[in-house]
Structures are given as C-alpha cells and as structure tokens.
Amino acid sequence: MELAKICNALGNETRFKIVEALKNKTIGTCCGKIEYFEEGISVADVVTATGLAQSTVSQHLSVLEQAGIIIREKRSQWTVFFLNKKLLHDFCESLRETLAEESACSDEKCCKP
C-alpha cells in the first residue's frame, strides 16, 4: 500500500467528495440513495451529482482506482465503481500508526512531545 499515493488521490476535493458519496451512499438514481448497483456508482451517477463533464469524472475515478481506493466492475452495459473498504481500513490503520510514532528526539530540554 502506498500511503502517499492514497493521500494524493484523497487530497483533491472532488475525489474526496466522490469517496464520501460512496461511503454515505448519497449518489444514485433513486431518491438520492444508491440502490440499483447495491453500494456502487456509475460514471453517469457521478456526472449527475457533480455537474462535471464525463471526461473529468472519468479522470477522477481513474486516479481513485489507480490508488486502489475504488474497484471497477462491469455490470452488463454499465461500469460500476465500489469502495475498496479493506484498503481504506488498512490505510487508516497505517496512517494512524505512522502519525503516532514517537519523535526521533525524546530529550525534553529541546523537543516538546
């Protein structure tokens, strides 16, 4: 898992909103909820929700997919994207561990904890 690649992908506001929408199931074609594709979204769903051009949405989804954050599946004529929940869980754990490490210097005279 590449923490920097995932952070970079999530560092873009539009991509972060796409991930939030997948997590919260707020993009979809029925009553604002994702139902038709279980917990996935199509490019058309994201285009409708964001108002962005299809090519722009496809680029954002590609970055998220390359980082491993979303998984692409073909469902008949639709391409549907799902959150990679395991990767996101592992990412959060790794980030927590990385940020919780003690500083290199533990001398209280020069470094405050």
C-alpha atoms as a PDB file:
ATOM      1  CA  MET A   1       0.000   0.000   0.000  1.00  0.00           C
ATOM      2  CA  GLU A   2       1.356   3.401  -0.979  1.00  0.00           C
ATOM      3  CA  LEU A   3       0.262   5.916   1.653  1.00  0.00           C
ATOM      4  CA  ALA A   4       1.431   8.923  -0.377  1.00  0.00           C
ATOM      5  CA  LYS A   5      -0.476   7.790  -3.479  1.00  0.00           C
ATOM      6  CA  ILE A   6      -3.667   7.340  -1.476  1.00  0.00           C
ATOM      7  CA  CYS A   7      -3.203  10.685   0.291  1.00  0.00           C
ATOM      8  CA  ASN A   8      -2.633  12.371  -3.064  1.00  0.00           C
ATOM      9  CA  ALA A   9      -5.796  10.844  -4.509  1.00  0.00           C
ATOM     10  CA  LEU A  10      -7.867  11.866  -1.484  1.00  0.00           C
ATOM     11  CA  GLY A  11      -6.237  15.311  -1.390  1.00  0.00           C
ATOM     12  CA  ASN A  12      -8.367  16.511  -4.295  1.00  0.00           C
ATOM     13  CA  GLU A  13     -11.692  17.932  -3.114  1.00  0.00           C
ATOM     14  CA  THR A  14     -13.729  16.412  -5.941  1.00  0.00           C
ATOM     15  CA  ARG A  15     -12.239  12.947  -5.471  1.00  0.00           C
ATOM     16  CA  PHE A  16     -12.742  13.181  -1.721  1.00  0.00           C
ATOM     17  CA  LYS A  17     -16.413  14.074  -2.295  1.00  0.00           C
ATOM     18  CA  ILE A  18     -16.810  11.077  -4.612  1.00  0.00           C
ATOM     19  CA  VAL A  19     -15.401   8.797  -1.894  1.00  0.00           C
ATOM     20  CA  GLU A  20     -17.652  10.415   0.734  1.00  0.00           C
ATOM     21  CA  ALA A  21     -20.666   9.940  -1.515  1.00  0.00           C
ATOM     22  CA  LEU A  22     -19.831   6.271  -1.988  1.00  0.00           C
ATOM     23  CA  LYS A  23     -19.362   5.822   1.747  1.00  0.00           C
ATOM     24  CA  ASN A  24     -22.559   7.679   2.626  1.00  0.00           C
ATOM     25  CA  LYS A  25     -24.494   6.319  -0.360  1.00  0.00           C
ATOM     26  CA  THR A  26     -25.566   9.807  -1.403  1.00  0.00           C
ATOM     27  CA  ILE A  27     -25.108   9.428  -5.156  1.00  0.00           C
ATOM     28  CA  GLY A  28     -27.624   7.414  -7.052  1.00  0.00           C
ATOM     29  CA  THR A  29     -30.586   7.338  -9.311  1.00  0.00           C
ATOM     30  CA  CYS A  30     -33.313   6.708  -6.732  1.00  0.00           C
ATOM     31  CA  CYS A  31     -34.206   9.199  -4.006  1.00  0.00           C
ATOM     32  CA  GLY A  32     -30.587  10.312  -3.580  1.00  0.00           C
ATOM     33  CA  LYS A  33     -29.530   6.836  -2.442  1.00  0.00           C
ATOM     34  CA  ILE A  34     -27.523   4.194  -4.248  1.00  0.00           C
ATOM     35  CA  GLU A  35     -29.816   1.249  -4.726  1.00  0.00           C
ATOM     36  CA  TYR A  36     -29.587  -0.077  -8.234  1.00  0.00           C
ATOM     37  CA  PHE A  37     -25.907  -1.023  -8.011  1.00  0.00           C
ATOM     38  CA  GLU A  38     -26.023  -2.073  -4.357  1.00  0.00           C
ATOM     39  CA  GLU A  39     -23.260   0.166  -2.968  1.00  0.00           C
ATOM     40  CA  GLY A  40     -21.652   1.220  -6.236  1.00  0.00           C
ATOM     41  CA  ILE A  41     -21.875   4.152  -8.586  1.00  0.00           C
ATOM     42  CA  SER A  42     -21.682   4.564 -12.315  1.00  0.00           C
ATOM     43  CA  VAL A  43     -19.853   7.363 -14.090  1.00  0.00           C
ATOM     44  CA  ALA A  44     -23.270   8.772 -15.036  1.00  0.00           C
ATOM     45  CA  ASP A  45     -24.255   8.938 -11.347  1.00  0.00           C
ATOM     46  CA  VAL A  46     -21.139  10.966 -10.534  1.00  0.00           C
ATOM     47  CA  VAL A  47     -21.644  13.245 -13.556  1.00  0.00           C
ATOM     48  CA  THR A  48     -25.224  13.943 -12.442  1.00  0.00           C
ATOM     49  CA  ALA A  49     -24.252  14.543  -8.814  1.00  0.00           C
ATOM     50  CA  THR A  50     -21.224  16.759  -9.503  1.00  0.00           C
ATOM     51  CA  GLY A  51     -22.227  18.535 -12.693  1.00  0.00           C
ATOM     52  CA  LEU A  52     -18.754  17.830 -14.070  1.00  0.00           C
ATOM     53  CA  ALA A  53     -18.057  16.675 -17.607  1.00  0.00           C
ATOM     54  CA  GLN A  54     -17.976  12.924 -18.149  1.00  0.00           C
ATOM     55  CA  SER A  55     -14.305  13.071 -19.170  1.00  0.00           C
ATOM     56  CA  THR A  56     -13.401  14.938 -15.957  1.00  0.00           C
ATOM     57  CA  VAL A  57     -15.303  12.441 -13.809  1.00  0.00           C
ATOM     58  CA  SER A  58     -13.607   9.557 -15.608  1.00  0.00           C
ATOM     59  CA  GLN A  59     -10.196  11.089 -14.859  1.00  0.00           C
ATOM     60  CA  HIS A  60     -11.041  11.446 -11.151  1.00  0.00           C
ATOM     61  CA  LEU A  61     -12.343   7.878 -10.975  1.00  0.00           C
ATOM     62  CA  SER A  62      -9.195   6.659 -12.726  1.00  0.00           C
ATOM     63  CA  VAL A  63      -6.965   8.324 -10.109  1.00  0.00           C
ATOM     64  CA  LEU A  64      -9.027   6.779  -7.303  1.00  0.00           C
ATOM     65  CA  GLU A  65      -8.863   3.380  -8.983  1.00  0.00           C
ATOM     66  CA  GLN A  66      -5.090   3.579  -9.548  1.00  0.00           C
ATOM     67  CA  ALA A  67      -4.649   4.375  -5.851  1.00  0.00           C
ATOM     68  CA  GLY A  68      -6.744   1.305  -5.031  1.00  0.00           C
ATOM     69  CA  ILE A  69      -9.461   3.327  -3.296  1.00  0.00           C
ATOM     70  CA  ILE A  70     -12.216   2.170  -5.628  1.00  0.00           C
ATOM     71  CA  ILE A  71     -12.763  -1.040  -7.563  1.00  0.00           C
ATOM     72  CA  ARG A  72     -14.247  -1.165 -11.068  1.00  0.00           C
ATOM     73  CA  GLU A  73     -16.741  -3.870 -12.042  1.00  0.00           C
ATOM     74  CA  LYS A  74     -18.601  -4.418 -15.281  1.00  0.00           C
ATOM     75  CA  ARG A  75     -22.359  -4.935 -14.769  1.00  0.00           C
ATOM     76  CA  SER A  76     -23.968  -5.662 -18.134  1.00  0.00           C
ATOM     77  CA  GLN A  77     -23.581  -2.394 -20.098  1.00  0.00           C
ATOM     78  CA  TRP A  78     -22.576  -0.392 -17.009  1.00  0.00           C
ATOM     79  CA  THR A  79     -19.197   0.132 -15.409  1.00  0.00           C
ATOM     80  CA  VAL A  80     -19.773   0.407 -11.673  1.00  0.00           C
ATOM     81  CA  PHE A  81     -17.321   1.580  -9.018  1.00  0.00           C
ATOM     82  CA  PHE A  82     -17.243   0.386  -5.412  1.00  0.00           C
ATOM     83  CA  LEU A  83     -15.228   1.492  -2.395  1.00  0.00           C
ATOM     84  CA  ASN A  84     -12.324  -0.760  -1.531  1.00  0.00           C
ATOM     85  CA  LYS A  85     -13.274  -0.884   2.142  1.00  0.00           C
ATOM     86  CA  LYS A  86     -10.382  -3.147   3.121  1.00  0.00           C
ATOM     87  CA  LEU A  87      -7.808  -0.804   1.593  1.00  0.00           C
ATOM     88  CA  LEU A  88      -9.396   2.212   3.283  1.00  0.00           C
ATOM     89  CA  HIS A  89      -9.429   0.412   6.634  1.00  0.00           C
ATOM     90  CA  ASP A  90      -5.784  -0.616   6.230  1.00  0.00           C
ATOM     91  CA  PHE A  91      -4.897   2.912   5.078  1.00  0.00           C
ATOM     92  CA  CYS A  92      -6.458   4.454   8.189  1.00  0.00           C
ATOM     93  CA  GLU A  93      -4.615   1.988  10.420  1.00  0.00           C
ATOM     94  CA  SER A  94      -1.284   2.619   8.664  1.00  0.00           C
ATOM     95  CA  LEU A  95      -1.768   6.371   8.801  1.00  0.00           C
ATOM     96  CA  ARG A  96      -2.649   6.187  12.493  1.00  0.00           C
ATOM     97  CA  GLU A  97       0.465   4.094  13.192  1.00  0.00           C
ATOM     98  CA  THR A  98       2.675   6.395  11.122  1.00  0.00           C
ATOM     99  CA  LEU A  99       1.449   9.547  12.829  1.00  0.00           C
ATOM    100  CA  ALA A 100       1.510   8.004  16.304  1.00  0.00           C
ATOM    101  CA  GLU A 101       5.188   7.058  16.172  1.00  0.00           C
ATOM    102  CA  GLU A 102       7.322   8.742  18.768  1.00  0.00           C
ATOM    103  CA  SER A 103       9.523  11.575  17.615  1.00  0.00           C
ATOM    104  CA  ALA A 104      13.176  10.824  16.927  1.00  0.00           C
ATOM    105  CA  CYS A 105      14.242  13.090  19.767  1.00  0.00           C
ATOM    106  CA  SER A 106      12.922  12.417  23.245  1.00  0.00           C
ATOM    107  CA  ASP A 107      15.054  14.992  25.045  1.00  0.00           C
ATOM    108  CA  GLU A 108      12.509  17.144  26.872  1.00  0.00           C
ATOM    109  CA  LYS A 109      15.002  20.025  27.015  1.00  0.00           C
ATOM    110  CA  CYS A 110      14.981  20.548  23.264  1.00  0.00           C
ATOM    111  CA  CYS A 111      11.845  18.829  21.987  1.00  0.00           C
ATOM    112  CA  LYS A 112       8.349  19.089  23.330  1.00  0.00           C
ATOM    113  CA  PRO A 113       6.217  15.966  22.959  1.00  0.00           C
END
